[in-house]
């Protein structure tokens, strides 16, 4: 959505190791269904803000130089100027820039894991995200993610929908921001309650 240039857009998808290739293949198939290769480059590619274009290219160059795998979901459609196709960056090194910074563009990291505790550890070892997403039907695992990670907000089996709930608080925590807005909580956030003491 909007070429990943939305606050709560996913930067990284963690998938069970045994389903990694299936996930990558499914992403490519869905992208090509939504944006058919014969529709032309203007439809196949996303417009990227000029401020972010050079940074996104630098991410890809670093990953490629370090032997990383990049999958072009646009079927090799040429990217030029401000237009970029969605690219999956598979198993990027954890110390690479793309793994440490907010992407804010049409790049999606895909990491595999053997155990959900690895994912929880990865989340907790980085800056608190503005948003987290859990996809699955395992309620016990879902509860682990909810209890042992901290983010500004979370959606289960959906993406970005928590931002659209205007009567529920939305905001960051730690490095992703402080405070909330929307609903009653937003009203209270921007009000200042203060004490007036008079001694006569």
N, C-alpha and C. Protein backbone atom coordinates (compact mmCIF):
# COMPACT_ATOMS: atom_id res chain seq x y z
N UNK A 1 0.84 -1.18 0.00
CA UNK A 1 0.00 0.00 0.00
C UNK A 1 0.89 1.25 0.00
N UNK A 2 0.64 2.14 -0.96
CA UNK A 2 1.43 3.37 -1.09
C UNK A 2 2.93 3.08 -1.13
N UNK A 3 3.30 1.99 -1.81
CA UNK A 3 4.71 1.60 -1.98
C UNK A 3 5.43 1.44 -0.65
N UNK A 4 4.70 1.04 0.39
CA UNK A 4 5.32 0.85 1.70
C UNK A 4 5.61 2.14 2.42
N UNK A 5 5.15 3.26 1.87
CA UNK A 5 5.44 4.56 2.46
C UNK A 5 4.33 4.99 3.40
N UNK A 6 4.05 4.15 4.37
CA UNK A 6 3.06 4.40 5.41
C UNK A 6 3.72 4.02 6.74
N UNK A 7 3.43 4.78 7.76
CA UNK A 7 4.07 4.54 9.07
C UNK A 7 4.06 3.09 9.49
N UNK A 8 2.91 2.45 9.42
CA UNK A 8 2.78 1.10 9.96
C UNK A 8 3.01 -0.01 8.97
N UNK A 9 3.58 0.30 7.79
CA UNK A 9 3.83 -0.75 6.80
C UNK A 9 4.84 -1.75 7.33
N UNK A 10 4.62 -3.03 7.05
CA UNK A 10 5.59 -4.04 7.48
C UNK A 10 6.93 -3.85 6.78
N UNK A 11 8.01 -3.95 7.53
CA UNK A 11 9.36 -3.93 6.97
C UNK A 11 9.91 -5.34 6.83
N UNK A 12 9.48 -6.21 7.73
CA UNK A 12 10.03 -7.56 7.81
C UNK A 12 8.91 -8.57 8.01
N UNK A 13 9.00 -9.68 7.32
CA UNK A 13 8.08 -10.80 7.52
C UNK A 13 8.93 -11.98 8.00
N UNK A 14 8.53 -12.56 9.12
CA UNK A 14 9.21 -13.75 9.63
C UNK A 14 8.31 -14.95 9.37
N UNK A 15 8.86 -15.94 8.69
CA UNK A 15 8.07 -17.13 8.34
C UNK A 15 8.79 -18.38 8.82
N UNK A 16 8.04 -19.43 9.17
CA UNK A 16 8.69 -20.68 9.56
C UNK A 16 9.63 -21.16 8.44
N UNK A 17 10.77 -21.66 8.83
CA UNK A 17 11.81 -22.03 7.87
C UNK A 17 11.31 -22.95 6.76
N UNK A 18 10.43 -23.89 7.14
CA UNK A 18 9.97 -24.87 6.15
C UNK A 18 9.01 -24.27 5.12
N UNK A 19 8.49 -23.07 5.38
CA UNK A 19 7.56 -22.45 4.44
C UNK A 19 8.16 -21.24 3.72
N UNK A 20 9.46 -21.01 3.89
CA UNK A 20 10.09 -19.83 3.29
C UNK A 20 9.88 -19.76 1.78
N UNK A 21 10.24 -20.81 1.07
CA UNK A 21 10.15 -20.77 -0.39
C UNK A 21 8.70 -20.69 -0.86
N UNK A 22 7.80 -21.34 -0.15
CA UNK A 22 6.38 -21.25 -0.49
C UNK A 22 5.89 -19.81 -0.32
N UNK A 23 6.33 -19.16 0.76
CA UNK A 23 5.93 -17.76 1.00
C UNK A 23 6.45 -16.84 -0.09
N UNK A 24 7.71 -17.00 -0.46
CA UNK A 24 8.30 -16.16 -1.51
C UNK A 24 7.55 -16.35 -2.82
N UNK A 25 7.29 -17.60 -3.17
CA UNK A 25 6.57 -17.91 -4.40
C UNK A 25 5.17 -17.32 -4.38
N UNK A 26 4.48 -17.43 -3.24
CA UNK A 26 3.13 -16.89 -3.11
C UNK A 26 3.13 -15.37 -3.24
N UNK A 27 4.12 -14.70 -2.67
CA UNK A 27 4.22 -13.24 -2.79
C UNK A 27 4.35 -12.83 -4.25
N UNK A 28 5.23 -13.51 -4.96
CA UNK A 28 5.43 -13.20 -6.38
C UNK A 28 4.14 -13.43 -7.16
N UNK A 29 3.49 -14.57 -6.92
CA UNK A 29 2.25 -14.89 -7.64
C UNK A 29 1.16 -13.87 -7.38
N UNK A 30 0.97 -13.50 -6.10
CA UNK A 30 -0.07 -12.53 -5.76
C UNK A 30 0.25 -11.17 -6.37
N UNK A 31 1.51 -10.75 -6.30
CA UNK A 31 1.90 -9.46 -6.86
C UNK A 31 1.63 -9.43 -8.36
N UNK A 32 1.96 -10.50 -9.06
CA UNK A 32 1.76 -10.54 -10.51
C UNK A 32 0.28 -10.66 -10.88
N UNK A 33 -0.54 -11.18 -9.95
CA UNK A 33 -1.98 -11.20 -10.19
C UNK A 33 -2.55 -9.80 -10.04
N UNK A 34 -2.10 -9.09 -9.00
CA UNK A 34 -2.58 -7.73 -8.77
C UNK A 34 -2.05 -6.75 -9.82
N UNK A 35 -0.82 -6.98 -10.27
CA UNK A 35 -0.16 -6.10 -11.23
C UNK A 35 0.36 -6.95 -12.39
N UNK A 36 -0.51 -7.30 -13.35
CA UNK A 36 -0.12 -8.20 -14.45
C UNK A 36 1.05 -7.64 -15.26
N UNK A 37 1.98 -8.53 -15.66
CA UNK A 37 3.17 -8.08 -16.40
C UNK A 37 2.85 -7.33 -17.69
N UNK A 38 1.68 -7.60 -18.31
CA UNK A 38 1.36 -6.93 -19.57
C UNK A 38 0.66 -5.59 -19.35
N UNK A 39 0.56 -5.15 -18.09
CA UNK A 39 -0.14 -3.90 -17.81
C UNK A 39 0.74 -2.67 -18.02
N UNK A 40 2.04 -2.89 -18.20
CA UNK A 40 2.95 -1.77 -18.45
C UNK A 40 3.63 -1.31 -17.18
N UNK A 41 4.82 -0.70 -17.32
CA UNK A 41 5.63 -0.30 -16.17
C UNK A 41 4.94 0.66 -15.22
N UNK A 42 4.10 1.55 -15.72
CA UNK A 42 3.45 2.52 -14.83
C UNK A 42 2.53 1.84 -13.83
N UNK A 43 1.94 0.72 -14.24
CA UNK A 43 1.06 -0.02 -13.34
C UNK A 43 1.85 -0.97 -12.47
N UNK A 44 2.92 -1.53 -13.03
CA UNK A 44 3.69 -2.54 -12.31
C UNK A 44 4.59 -1.97 -11.23
N UNK A 45 4.87 -0.70 -11.30
CA UNK A 45 5.84 -0.14 -10.38
C UNK A 45 5.20 0.90 -9.47
N UNK A 46 5.84 1.13 -8.35
CA UNK A 46 5.34 2.07 -7.36
C UNK A 46 6.16 3.35 -7.42
N UNK A 47 5.50 4.47 -7.20
CA UNK A 47 6.20 5.74 -7.17
C UNK A 47 6.82 5.91 -5.79
N UNK A 48 8.11 6.13 -5.77
CA UNK A 48 8.85 6.27 -4.52
C UNK A 48 9.28 7.71 -4.36
N UNK A 49 9.09 8.23 -3.18
CA UNK A 49 9.50 9.58 -2.85
C UNK A 49 10.99 9.75 -3.15
N UNK A 50 11.34 10.85 -3.80
CA UNK A 50 12.73 11.09 -4.19
C UNK A 50 13.70 11.00 -3.02
N UNK A 51 13.25 11.41 -1.84
CA UNK A 51 14.14 11.41 -0.67
C UNK A 51 14.59 10.00 -0.30
N UNK A 52 13.76 9.02 -0.65
CA UNK A 52 14.05 7.66 -0.21
C UNK A 52 14.67 6.78 -1.30
N UNK A 53 14.63 7.24 -2.54
CA UNK A 53 15.09 6.41 -3.65
C UNK A 53 16.55 5.98 -3.50
N UNK A 54 17.44 6.92 -3.24
CA UNK A 54 18.87 6.59 -3.13
C UNK A 54 19.12 5.65 -1.95
N UNK A 55 18.40 5.87 -0.85
CA UNK A 55 18.57 5.02 0.32
C UNK A 55 18.13 3.59 0.02
N UNK A 56 17.00 3.43 -0.67
CA UNK A 56 16.51 2.10 -1.02
C UNK A 56 17.49 1.38 -1.94
N UNK A 57 18.04 2.12 -2.91
CA UNK A 57 19.04 1.53 -3.81
C UNK A 57 20.28 1.10 -3.03
N UNK A 58 20.68 1.91 -2.04
CA UNK A 58 21.85 1.57 -1.23
C UNK A 58 21.61 0.30 -0.42
N UNK A 59 20.39 0.13 0.09
CA UNK A 59 20.06 -1.12 0.81
C UNK A 59 20.28 -2.32 -0.10
N UNK A 60 19.74 -2.24 -1.31
CA UNK A 60 19.84 -3.37 -2.24
C UNK A 60 21.29 -3.64 -2.64
N UNK A 61 22.03 -2.58 -2.88
CA UNK A 61 23.44 -2.75 -3.25
C UNK A 61 24.23 -3.42 -2.14
N UNK A 62 23.98 -3.02 -0.90
CA UNK A 62 24.70 -3.64 0.22
C UNK A 62 24.35 -5.11 0.35
N UNK A 63 23.06 -5.43 0.28
CA UNK A 63 22.64 -6.83 0.40
C UNK A 63 23.24 -7.67 -0.73
N UNK A 64 23.20 -7.16 -1.96
CA UNK A 64 23.75 -7.90 -3.10
C UNK A 64 25.26 -8.10 -2.94
N UNK A 65 25.96 -7.06 -2.47
CA UNK A 65 27.41 -7.15 -2.29
C UNK A 65 27.78 -8.18 -1.23
N UNK A 66 26.88 -8.41 -0.30
CA UNK A 66 27.15 -9.36 0.79
C UNK A 66 26.54 -10.72 0.50
N UNK A 67 26.17 -10.95 -0.75
CA UNK A 67 25.67 -12.26 -1.16
C UNK A 67 24.22 -12.52 -0.84
N UNK A 68 23.46 -11.47 -0.54
CA UNK A 68 22.05 -11.63 -0.22
C UNK A 68 21.21 -11.92 -1.45
N UNK A 69 20.03 -12.42 -1.22
CA UNK A 69 19.12 -12.80 -2.30
C UNK A 69 18.00 -11.76 -2.41
N UNK A 70 17.79 -11.28 -3.62
CA UNK A 70 16.75 -10.29 -3.88
C UNK A 70 15.81 -10.86 -4.94
N UNK A 71 14.52 -10.85 -4.66
CA UNK A 71 13.52 -11.36 -5.59
C UNK A 71 12.67 -10.21 -6.07
N UNK A 72 12.63 -10.01 -7.38
CA UNK A 72 11.84 -8.94 -7.99
C UNK A 72 10.44 -9.47 -8.26
N UNK A 73 9.45 -8.97 -7.52
CA UNK A 73 8.08 -9.45 -7.68
C UNK A 73 7.43 -8.93 -8.95
N UNK A 74 8.05 -7.95 -9.60
CA UNK A 74 7.49 -7.39 -10.82
C UNK A 74 7.89 -8.14 -12.07
N UNK A 75 8.57 -9.25 -11.89
CA UNK A 75 8.94 -10.06 -13.05
C UNK A 75 10.03 -9.44 -13.90
N UNK A 76 10.92 -8.68 -13.26
CA UNK A 76 12.03 -8.09 -14.00
C UNK A 76 11.68 -6.80 -14.70
N UNK A 77 10.49 -6.26 -14.43
CA UNK A 77 10.11 -4.98 -15.03
C UNK A 77 11.14 -3.92 -14.62
N UNK A 78 11.62 -3.20 -15.60
CA UNK A 78 12.67 -2.22 -15.31
C UNK A 78 12.16 -1.13 -14.38
N UNK A 79 13.00 -0.82 -13.38
CA UNK A 79 12.70 0.31 -12.50
C UNK A 79 13.50 1.49 -13.01
N UNK A 80 12.85 2.62 -13.11
CA UNK A 80 13.56 3.81 -13.55
C UNK A 80 12.97 5.03 -12.87
N UNK A 81 13.80 6.06 -12.72
CA UNK A 81 13.34 7.28 -12.09
C UNK A 81 12.76 7.00 -10.71
N UNK A 82 11.54 7.47 -10.49
CA UNK A 82 10.90 7.30 -9.18
C UNK A 82 10.14 6.00 -9.08
N UNK A 83 10.10 5.20 -10.13
CA UNK A 83 9.30 3.99 -10.13
C UNK A 83 10.14 2.79 -9.68
N UNK A 84 9.57 2.01 -8.75
CA UNK A 84 10.26 0.84 -8.22
C UNK A 84 9.27 -0.31 -8.09
N UNK A 85 9.70 -1.51 -8.46
CA UNK A 85 8.86 -2.68 -8.25
C UNK A 85 9.08 -3.19 -6.84
N UNK A 86 8.13 -3.95 -6.34
CA UNK A 86 8.29 -4.59 -5.03
C UNK A 86 9.40 -5.62 -5.12
N UNK A 87 10.30 -5.56 -4.16
CA UNK A 87 11.38 -6.55 -4.10
C UNK A 87 11.42 -7.17 -2.71
N UNK A 88 11.60 -8.48 -2.69
CA UNK A 88 11.77 -9.20 -1.44
C UNK A 88 13.26 -9.36 -1.19
N UNK A 89 13.70 -9.06 0.01
CA UNK A 89 15.10 -9.22 0.39
C UNK A 89 15.14 -10.38 1.37
N UNK A 90 15.69 -11.50 0.92
CA UNK A 90 15.63 -12.75 1.67
C UNK A 90 16.85 -12.91 2.57
N UNK A 91 16.59 -13.11 3.87
CA UNK A 91 17.64 -13.39 4.86
C UNK A 91 18.78 -12.38 4.80
N UNK A 92 18.45 -11.10 4.86
CA UNK A 92 19.49 -10.08 4.86
C UNK A 92 20.30 -10.18 6.15
N UNK A 93 21.59 -9.86 6.12
CA UNK A 93 22.40 -9.91 7.34
C UNK A 93 21.81 -8.99 8.41
N UNK A 94 21.79 -9.45 9.66
CA UNK A 94 21.18 -8.68 10.74
C UNK A 94 21.87 -7.35 11.01
N UNK A 95 23.14 -7.21 10.59
CA UNK A 95 23.84 -5.95 10.80
C UNK A 95 23.79 -5.05 9.56
N UNK A 96 23.06 -5.45 8.53
CA UNK A 96 22.94 -4.61 7.34
C UNK A 96 22.02 -3.43 7.63
N UNK A 97 22.14 -2.39 6.83
CA UNK A 97 21.32 -1.19 7.04
C UNK A 97 19.84 -1.50 6.92
N UNK A 98 19.47 -2.32 5.95
CA UNK A 98 18.05 -2.60 5.74
C UNK A 98 17.44 -3.31 6.94
N UNK A 99 18.26 -4.08 7.67
CA UNK A 99 17.76 -4.80 8.84
C UNK A 99 17.70 -3.91 10.07
N UNK A 100 18.37 -2.77 10.04
CA UNK A 100 18.43 -1.90 11.22
C UNK A 100 17.60 -0.64 11.11
N UNK A 101 17.19 -0.27 9.90
CA UNK A 101 16.51 1.00 9.69
C UNK A 101 15.09 0.79 9.19
N UNK A 102 14.26 1.83 9.36
CA UNK A 102 12.91 1.79 8.80
C UNK A 102 13.03 1.90 7.29
N UNK A 103 12.40 0.99 6.56
CA UNK A 103 12.58 0.93 5.11
C UNK A 103 11.80 2.03 4.40
N UNK A 104 10.52 2.15 4.67
CA UNK A 104 9.67 3.18 4.09
C UNK A 104 9.74 3.18 2.56
N UNK A 105 9.54 2.01 1.97
CA UNK A 105 9.54 1.88 0.52
C UNK A 105 9.17 0.47 0.12
N UNK A 106 9.14 0.17 -1.20
CA UNK A 106 8.67 -1.13 -1.68
C UNK A 106 9.73 -2.24 -1.60
N UNK A 107 10.31 -2.38 -0.43
CA UNK A 107 11.21 -3.49 -0.14
C UNK A 107 10.66 -4.21 1.08
N UNK A 108 10.69 -5.52 1.06
CA UNK A 108 10.19 -6.30 2.19
C UNK A 108 11.21 -7.37 2.54
N UNK A 109 11.73 -7.30 3.77
CA UNK A 109 12.64 -8.34 4.23
C UNK A 109 11.84 -9.59 4.56
N UNK A 110 12.39 -10.73 4.22
CA UNK A 110 11.77 -12.01 4.56
C UNK A 110 12.81 -12.83 5.30
N UNK A 111 12.49 -13.18 6.54
CA UNK A 111 13.40 -13.97 7.37
C UNK A 111 12.71 -15.26 7.78
N UNK A 112 13.50 -16.32 7.88
CA UNK A 112 12.94 -17.59 8.34
C UNK A 112 13.34 -17.83 9.79
N UNK A 113 12.54 -18.64 10.47
CA UNK A 113 12.85 -18.97 11.85
C UNK A 113 12.47 -20.42 12.14
N UNK A 114 13.12 -20.98 13.15
CA UNK A 114 12.82 -22.35 13.56
C UNK A 114 11.84 -22.38 14.72
N UNK A 115 11.84 -21.33 15.53
CA UNK A 115 11.02 -21.29 16.74
C UNK A 115 10.55 -19.85 16.96
N UNK A 116 9.32 -19.69 17.42
CA UNK A 116 8.74 -18.35 17.60
C UNK A 116 9.56 -17.52 18.60
N UNK A 117 10.26 -18.18 19.52
CA UNK A 117 11.10 -17.44 20.47
C UNK A 117 12.20 -16.66 19.76
N UNK A 118 12.67 -17.17 18.60
CA UNK A 118 13.67 -16.43 17.82
C UNK A 118 13.09 -15.10 17.33
N UNK A 119 11.85 -15.13 16.89
CA UNK A 119 11.20 -13.92 16.39
C UNK A 119 10.99 -12.94 17.54
N UNK A 120 10.52 -13.43 18.66
CA UNK A 120 10.31 -12.58 19.83
C UNK A 120 11.63 -11.94 20.26
N UNK A 121 12.69 -12.71 20.27
CA UNK A 121 14.01 -12.19 20.61
C UNK A 121 14.48 -11.12 19.64
N UNK A 122 14.23 -11.34 18.35
CA UNK A 122 14.63 -10.36 17.34
C UNK A 122 13.89 -9.04 17.56
N UNK A 123 12.58 -9.13 17.81
CA UNK A 123 11.79 -7.92 18.04
C UNK A 123 12.28 -7.19 19.28
N UNK A 124 12.52 -7.92 20.35
CA UNK A 124 12.91 -7.30 21.62
C UNK A 124 14.34 -6.77 21.62
N UNK A 125 15.18 -7.25 20.71
CA UNK A 125 16.56 -6.78 20.64
C UNK A 125 16.72 -5.54 19.78
N UNK A 126 15.64 -5.10 19.13
CA UNK A 126 15.69 -3.90 18.31
C UNK A 126 14.85 -2.80 18.92
N UNK A 127 14.78 -1.67 18.24
CA UNK A 127 13.90 -0.60 18.72
C UNK A 127 12.44 -1.04 18.64
N UNK A 128 11.62 -0.58 19.58
CA UNK A 128 10.21 -0.98 19.57
C UNK A 128 9.54 -0.49 18.30
N UNK A 129 8.86 -1.39 17.60
CA UNK A 129 8.20 -0.98 16.35
C UNK A 129 6.90 -0.21 16.62
N UNK A 130 6.52 0.61 15.66
CA UNK A 130 5.25 1.32 15.74
C UNK A 130 4.09 0.33 15.64
N UNK A 131 4.27 -0.71 14.83
CA UNK A 131 3.21 -1.70 14.64
C UNK A 131 3.82 -3.08 14.50
N UNK A 132 3.09 -4.07 14.97
CA UNK A 132 3.45 -5.48 14.78
C UNK A 132 2.23 -6.21 14.26
N UNK A 133 2.50 -7.30 13.58
CA UNK A 133 1.41 -8.09 13.00
C UNK A 133 1.68 -9.57 13.26
N UNK A 134 0.63 -10.27 13.65
CA UNK A 134 0.75 -11.72 13.84
C UNK A 134 -0.27 -12.39 12.92
N UNK A 135 0.20 -13.34 12.12
CA UNK A 135 -0.68 -14.12 11.27
C UNK A 135 -0.58 -15.58 11.70
N UNK A 136 -1.71 -16.17 11.98
CA UNK A 136 -1.72 -17.57 12.35
C UNK A 136 -2.99 -17.93 13.09
N UNK A 137 -3.12 -19.22 13.39
CA UNK A 137 -4.31 -19.72 14.10
C UNK A 137 -3.95 -20.34 15.44
N UNK A 138 -2.66 -20.36 15.77
CA UNK A 138 -2.21 -20.94 17.03
C UNK A 138 -2.37 -19.89 18.14
N UNK A 139 -3.42 -20.04 18.95
CA UNK A 139 -3.72 -19.03 19.97
C UNK A 139 -2.63 -18.95 21.04
N UNK A 140 -2.00 -20.07 21.34
CA UNK A 140 -0.93 -20.06 22.34
C UNK A 140 0.26 -19.25 21.83
N UNK A 141 0.63 -19.47 20.57
CA UNK A 141 1.73 -18.72 19.98
C UNK A 141 1.36 -17.23 19.86
N UNK A 142 0.13 -16.97 19.45
CA UNK A 142 -0.35 -15.58 19.38
C UNK A 142 -0.21 -14.89 20.72
N UNK A 143 -0.60 -15.57 21.79
CA UNK A 143 -0.52 -15.01 23.13
C UNK A 143 0.93 -14.74 23.54
N UNK A 144 1.84 -15.62 23.13
CA UNK A 144 3.27 -15.40 23.40
C UNK A 144 3.73 -14.08 22.78
N UNK A 145 3.36 -13.87 21.53
CA UNK A 145 3.76 -12.65 20.83
C UNK A 145 3.16 -11.43 21.51
N UNK A 146 1.89 -11.50 21.88
CA UNK A 146 1.23 -10.38 22.54
C UNK A 146 1.84 -10.06 23.90
N UNK A 147 2.18 -11.10 24.66
CA UNK A 147 2.69 -10.90 26.03
C UNK A 147 4.15 -10.52 26.08
N UNK A 148 4.96 -11.02 25.16
CA UNK A 148 6.41 -10.86 25.29
C UNK A 148 7.04 -9.90 24.30
N UNK A 149 6.22 -9.16 23.55
CA UNK A 149 6.77 -8.10 22.70
C UNK A 149 6.04 -6.80 23.01
N UNK A 150 6.66 -5.70 22.61
CA UNK A 150 6.07 -4.39 22.85
C UNK A 150 6.14 -3.59 21.56
N UNK A 151 5.00 -3.06 21.15
CA UNK A 151 4.95 -2.20 19.97
C UNK A 151 3.85 -1.18 20.17
N UNK A 152 3.80 -0.19 19.28
CA UNK A 152 2.77 0.83 19.39
C UNK A 152 1.37 0.25 19.26
N UNK A 153 1.20 -0.73 18.42
CA UNK A 153 -0.08 -1.38 18.21
C UNK A 153 0.13 -2.70 17.50
N UNK A 154 -0.88 -3.55 17.52
CA UNK A 154 -0.74 -4.85 16.87
C UNK A 154 -2.06 -5.22 16.21
N UNK A 155 -1.97 -5.90 15.10
CA UNK A 155 -3.15 -6.44 14.42
C UNK A 155 -2.92 -7.94 14.25
N UNK A 156 -3.99 -8.69 14.40
CA UNK A 156 -3.93 -10.14 14.24
C UNK A 156 -4.59 -10.49 12.91
N UNK A 157 -3.85 -11.19 12.08
CA UNK A 157 -4.34 -11.66 10.77
C UNK A 157 -4.83 -10.53 9.86
N UNK A 158 -4.22 -9.38 9.98
CA UNK A 158 -4.51 -8.25 9.11
C UNK A 158 -3.35 -7.26 9.22
N UNK A 159 -3.34 -6.27 8.34
CA UNK A 159 -2.26 -5.29 8.33
C UNK A 159 -2.87 -3.88 8.30
N UNK A 160 -2.35 -3.00 9.12
CA UNK A 160 -2.68 -1.58 9.16
C UNK A 160 -4.08 -1.26 9.68
N UNK A 161 -4.92 -2.25 9.90
CA UNK A 161 -6.30 -1.99 10.26
C UNK A 161 -6.42 -1.33 11.64
N UNK A 162 -5.45 -1.56 12.52
CA UNK A 162 -5.53 -0.97 13.85
C UNK A 162 -5.43 0.55 13.80
N UNK A 163 -4.82 1.09 12.75
CA UNK A 163 -4.71 2.54 12.60
C UNK A 163 -6.06 3.14 12.23
N UNK A 164 -6.89 2.37 11.56
CA UNK A 164 -8.19 2.87 11.09
C UNK A 164 -9.26 2.86 12.18
N UNK A 165 -8.96 2.27 13.33
CA UNK A 165 -9.93 2.24 14.43
C UNK A 165 -9.85 3.57 15.17
N UNK A 166 -10.60 4.55 14.72
CA UNK A 166 -10.46 5.92 15.23
C UNK A 166 -10.94 6.12 16.66
N UNK A 167 -11.64 5.13 17.21
CA UNK A 167 -12.06 5.26 18.60
C UNK A 167 -11.13 4.50 19.54
N UNK A 168 -10.03 3.95 19.00
CA UNK A 168 -9.05 3.24 19.81
C UNK A 168 -7.72 3.99 19.77
N UNK A 169 -6.95 3.97 20.85
CA UNK A 169 -5.69 4.72 20.86
C UNK A 169 -4.68 4.16 19.86
N UNK A 170 -3.94 5.04 19.21
CA UNK A 170 -2.88 4.64 18.30
C UNK A 170 -1.69 5.55 18.53
N UNK A 171 -0.53 4.93 18.64
CA UNK A 171 0.70 5.70 18.82
C UNK A 171 1.86 4.78 19.08
N UNK A 172 3.03 5.35 19.17
CA UNK A 172 4.25 4.57 19.32
C UNK A 172 4.64 4.36 20.77
N UNK A 173 5.76 3.68 20.91
CA UNK A 173 6.34 3.44 22.22
C UNK A 173 7.85 3.43 22.05
N UNK A 174 8.56 4.05 22.98
CA UNK A 174 10.02 4.10 22.86
C UNK A 174 10.45 4.85 21.62
N UNK A 175 11.33 4.23 20.81
CA UNK A 175 11.86 4.88 19.62
C UNK A 175 10.84 5.15 18.54
N UNK A 176 9.70 4.46 18.57
CA UNK A 176 8.69 4.67 17.53
C UNK A 176 7.75 5.82 17.86
N UNK A 177 7.97 6.48 19.00
CA UNK A 177 7.15 7.64 19.35
C UNK A 177 6.59 7.51 20.74
N UNK A 178 6.05 8.57 21.23
CA UNK A 178 5.48 8.56 22.58
C UNK A 178 4.06 9.10 22.52
N UNK A 179 3.18 8.52 23.32
CA UNK A 179 1.82 9.01 23.41
C UNK A 179 0.92 8.40 22.35
N UNK A 180 -0.36 8.76 22.45
CA UNK A 180 -1.36 8.21 21.54
C UNK A 180 -2.29 9.29 21.05
N UNK A 181 -2.95 9.01 19.94
CA UNK A 181 -4.03 9.85 19.49
C UNK A 181 -5.15 8.94 19.01
N UNK A 182 -6.24 9.51 18.62
CA UNK A 182 -7.51 8.84 18.30
C UNK A 182 -8.33 8.68 19.58
N UNK A 183 -9.63 8.85 19.45
CA UNK A 183 -10.55 8.58 20.53
C UNK A 183 -10.32 9.41 21.78
N UNK A 184 -10.91 8.97 22.88
CA UNK A 184 -10.81 9.65 24.17
C UNK A 184 -9.35 9.76 24.62
N UNK A 185 -8.59 8.69 24.39
CA UNK A 185 -7.18 8.69 24.80
C UNK A 185 -6.39 9.79 24.09
N UNK A 186 -6.71 10.04 22.82
CA UNK A 186 -6.05 11.12 22.09
C UNK A 186 -6.40 12.48 22.65
N UNK A 187 -7.66 12.67 23.03
CA UNK A 187 -8.10 13.93 23.64
C UNK A 187 -7.32 14.17 24.94
N UNK A 188 -7.23 13.13 25.76
CA UNK A 188 -6.52 13.27 27.03
C UNK A 188 -5.02 13.47 26.84
N UNK A 189 -4.47 12.87 25.78
CA UNK A 189 -3.04 13.01 25.51
C UNK A 189 -2.65 14.47 25.27
N UNK A 190 -3.54 15.20 24.58
CA UNK A 190 -3.21 16.57 24.21
C UNK A 190 -3.78 17.61 25.17
N UNK A 191 -4.32 17.15 26.28
CA UNK A 191 -4.76 18.05 27.34
C UNK A 191 -3.71 18.01 28.46
N UNK A 192 -3.53 19.11 29.09
CA UNK A 192 -2.57 19.15 30.19
C UNK A 192 -3.32 19.39 31.50
N UNK A 193 -3.34 18.37 32.33
CA UNK A 193 -3.94 18.54 33.66
C UNK A 193 -2.86 19.05 34.59
N UNK A 194 -3.15 20.13 35.26
CA UNK A 194 -2.12 20.66 36.15
C UNK A 194 -2.77 21.11 37.47
N UNK A 195 -1.93 21.17 38.44
CA UNK A 195 -2.37 21.56 39.78
C UNK A 195 -2.20 23.05 39.97
N UNK A 196 -3.19 23.69 40.55
CA UNK A 196 -3.08 25.09 40.98
C UNK A 196 -3.22 25.08 42.50
N UNK A 197 -2.20 25.48 43.20
CA UNK A 197 -2.23 25.50 44.66
C UNK A 197 -2.19 26.94 45.14
N UNK A 198 -3.10 27.28 45.99
CA UNK A 198 -3.12 28.63 46.56
C UNK A 198 -2.95 28.54 48.07
N UNK A 199 -2.04 29.32 48.56
CA UNK A 199 -1.85 29.40 50.00
C UNK A 199 -2.23 30.82 50.46
N UNK A 200 -3.30 30.95 51.21
CA UNK A 200 -3.77 32.28 51.65
C UNK A 200 -3.24 32.62 53.03
